Amino acid sequence: MSEELCLQMKYAPKSICYGCGPANPEGLHISSFPQDDGSLIAEWQPDLKYQAFTGVLYGGLVCCLLDCHCNWVASWHLMQQNGLDAPPCTVTAEHSVKFLRPTPTDKVIKMIGRVLDSKEDRATIAGELIAGDKVCATSKSLFVAVKEGHPAFHRW
């Protein structure tokens, strides 16, 4: 993808999130990179242990991949929009996934997230999960920046 650090390593190297936390030894280690058009892109290679059945990725993991990647889209966008030095900690308020076709485990998975709408402390994100140049799933999710006192506030 890029020689630059992904957002997770740059802003949350101690995160233990299963999907995107660099510090979780058992995690998926999603790596999200900003693009010039405001979207974020991540690529991830499935392991056979994540199969639902032969050659097809488990649907719950599809949801996880889109959730974590799109969370970073929201956080990155809110950082840029509000002129912050670091991304605010955002959490999922709503997450809807539409499965369009089985996601193969033998291809690199590409995730693209784009902002649909935002306010000062929240953003609605559209996500796509692509394998082999075919969109396998889409998502629409709402992420909200949390305040001091929320259990996720200091997670990064």
Protein backbone atom coordinates (compact mmCIF):
# COMPACT_ATOMS: atom_id res chain seq x y z
CA MET A 1 0.00 0.00 0.00
CA SER A 2 2.37 2.69 1.18
CA GLU A 3 5.70 3.21 2.88
CA GLU A 4 3.95 5.53 5.32
CA LEU A 5 2.62 4.20 8.59
CA CYS A 6 -1.01 3.17 8.58
CA LEU A 7 -3.30 5.25 10.78
CA GLN A 8 -3.47 2.49 13.39
CA MET A 9 0.31 2.42 13.86
CA LYS A 10 0.64 6.19 13.73
CA TYR A 11 -2.15 7.05 16.17
CA ALA A 12 -2.98 3.87 18.13
CA PRO A 13 0.08 1.58 18.30
CA LYS A 14 -0.98 0.24 21.73
CA SER A 15 -4.57 -0.53 20.69
CA ILE A 16 -5.71 -4.06 21.51
CA CYS A 17 -8.79 -3.99 19.25
CA TYR A 18 -9.24 -7.43 17.67
CA GLY A 19 -9.85 -5.99 14.20
CA CYS A 20 -7.43 -3.10 13.94
CA GLY A 21 -5.25 -3.07 17.04
CA PRO A 22 -1.53 -3.34 16.31
CA ALA A 23 -0.90 -4.53 19.89
CA ASN A 24 -3.28 -7.52 19.76
CA PRO A 25 -1.11 -10.55 18.96
CA GLU A 26 -4.20 -12.57 17.92
CA GLY A 27 -5.86 -9.71 16.03
CA LEU A 28 -6.46 -9.07 12.35
CA HIS A 29 -4.17 -5.99 12.17
CA ILE A 30 -6.21 -4.02 9.64
CA SER A 31 -4.08 -1.19 8.26
CA SER A 32 -5.96 1.84 6.93
CA PHE A 33 -4.41 4.45 4.66
CA PRO A 34 -5.89 7.85 3.70
CA GLN A 35 -6.37 8.58 0.00
CA ASP A 36 -6.33 11.91 -1.81
CA ASP A 37 -10.10 11.76 -2.37
CA GLY A 38 -10.82 11.60 1.39
CA SER A 39 -11.50 7.86 1.46
CA LEU A 40 -9.46 5.29 3.34
CA ILE A 41 -8.27 2.00 1.89
CA ALA A 42 -7.08 -1.16 3.64
CA GLU A 43 -5.99 -4.50 2.25
CA TRP A 44 -6.05 -7.75 4.20
CA GLN A 45 -5.25 -11.37 3.35
CA PRO A 46 -7.63 -13.94 4.86
CA ASP A 47 -6.33 -17.07 6.52
CA LEU A 48 -8.14 -20.36 6.05
CA LYS A 49 -9.00 -20.44 9.76
CA TYR A 50 -11.57 -17.71 9.05
CA GLN A 51 -13.62 -19.83 6.64
CA ALA A 52 -17.35 -20.36 7.05
CA PHE A 53 -17.09 -23.19 4.55
CA THR A 54 -14.44 -24.19 2.04
CA GLY A 55 -13.02 -21.15 0.31
CA VAL A 56 -15.50 -18.62 1.78
CA LEU A 57 -14.87 -16.09 4.55
CA TYR A 58 -17.05 -16.24 7.67
CA GLY A 59 -19.72 -13.50 7.47
CA GLY A 60 -19.11 -12.21 10.98
CA LEU A 61 -15.55 -11.43 10.00
CA VAL A 62 -16.78 -9.49 6.97
CA CYS A 63 -18.77 -7.36 9.43
CA CYS A 64 -15.73 -6.94 11.68
CA LEU A 65 -13.46 -5.88 8.82
CA LEU A 66 -15.92 -3.25 7.59
CA ASP A 67 -16.67 -2.05 11.13
CA CYS A 68 -13.04 -1.50 12.12
CA HIS A 69 -11.95 0.03 8.83
CA CYS A 70 -14.96 2.36 8.62
CA ASN A 71 -14.46 3.38 12.26
CA TRP A 72 -11.05 4.69 11.23
CA VAL A 73 -12.61 6.51 8.28
CA ALA A 74 -14.92 8.31 10.71
CA SER A 75 -12.20 9.07 13.23
CA TRP A 76 -9.79 10.33 10.55
CA HIS A 77 -12.51 12.48 9.00
CA LEU A 78 -13.50 14.02 12.36
CA MET A 79 -9.85 14.78 13.06
CA GLN A 80 -9.50 16.58 9.72
CA GLN A 81 -12.89 18.30 9.94
CA ASN A 82 -12.32 19.61 13.47
CA GLY A 83 -8.62 20.50 13.11
CA LEU A 84 -7.48 18.05 15.78
CA ASP A 85 -3.91 16.81 16.32
CA ALA A 86 -5.05 13.20 16.65
CA PRO A 87 -8.15 11.24 15.71
CA PRO A 88 -10.87 11.25 18.36
CA CYS A 89 -11.82 7.87 19.77
CA THR A 90 -14.97 6.80 17.94
CA VAL A 91 -17.27 3.88 18.60
CA THR A 92 -19.90 2.16 16.51
CA ALA A 93 -23.45 3.39 17.09
CA GLU A 94 -25.02 1.62 14.08
CA HIS A 95 -23.60 -0.90 11.62
CA SER A 96 -25.52 -2.40 8.73
CA VAL A 97 -23.94 -4.84 6.28
CA LYS A 98 -25.35 -6.08 3.00
CA PHE A 99 -23.84 -9.31 1.68
CA LEU A 100 -23.76 -9.30 -2.12
CA ARG A 101 -21.79 -12.49 -2.80
CA PRO A 102 -19.54 -14.93 -0.94
CA THR A 103 -16.16 -13.46 0.00
CA PRO A 104 -13.37 -15.79 -1.15
CA THR A 105 -10.48 -16.61 1.19
CA ASP A 106 -7.94 -17.02 -1.62
CA LYS A 107 -7.83 -13.34 -2.63
CA VAL A 108 -6.61 -10.17 -0.97
CA ILE A 109 -9.53 -8.26 0.48
CA LYS A 110 -9.70 -4.54 -0.14
CA MET A 111 -11.83 -2.28 2.03
CA ILE A 112 -12.82 1.21 0.98
CA GLY A 113 -14.59 3.64 3.28
CA ARG A 114 -16.08 7.02 2.43
CA VAL A 115 -17.87 9.68 4.48
CA LEU A 116 -21.55 10.09 3.64
CA ASP A 117 -22.41 12.68 6.29
CA SER A 118 -20.88 14.17 9.42
CA LYS A 119 -21.45 16.49 12.32
CA GLU A 120 -18.96 17.72 14.90
CA ASP A 121 -18.89 14.46 16.89
CA ARG A 122 -20.20 11.79 14.48
CA ALA A 123 -19.91 10.51 10.95
CA THR A 124 -21.89 8.16 8.73
CA ILE A 125 -19.63 6.00 6.60
CA ALA A 126 -20.21 3.86 3.50
CA GLY A 127 -17.96 0.84 3.20
CA GLU A 128 -17.17 -1.67 0.49
CA LEU A 129 -15.42 -4.99 0.87
CA ILE A 130 -13.90 -6.14 -2.42
CA ALA A 131 -12.18 -9.39 -3.39
CA GLY A 132 -10.92 -10.11 -6.88
CA ASP A 133 -12.35 -6.84 -8.22
CA LYS A 134 -15.87 -7.84 -7.10
CA VAL A 135 -17.78 -6.07 -4.35
CA CYS A 136 -18.71 -8.81 -1.89
CA ALA A 137 -20.32 -6.67 0.82
CA THR A 138 -21.27 -3.09 1.53
CA SER A 139 -21.95 -1.30 4.79
CA LYS A 140 -23.46 1.86 6.16
CA SER A 141 -22.40 2.76 9.68
CA LEU A 142 -22.63 5.56 12.20
CA PHE A 143 -19.65 6.28 14.46
CA VAL A 144 -19.68 8.66 17.41
CA ALA A 145 -16.72 10.30 19.16
CA VAL A 146 -16.79 9.45 22.86
CA LYS A 147 -16.00 11.75 25.75
CA GLU A 148 -14.01 11.37 28.94
CA GLY A 149 -15.69 8.76 31.17
CA HIS A 150 -16.62 6.41 28.34
CA PRO A 151 -14.78 3.04 28.64
CA ALA A 152 -13.28 3.45 25.14
CA PHE A 153 -12.07 7.03 25.63
CA HIS A 154 -8.42 6.19 26.38
CA ARG A 155 -8.15 3.03 24.27
CA TRP A 156 -5.73 4.63 21.82
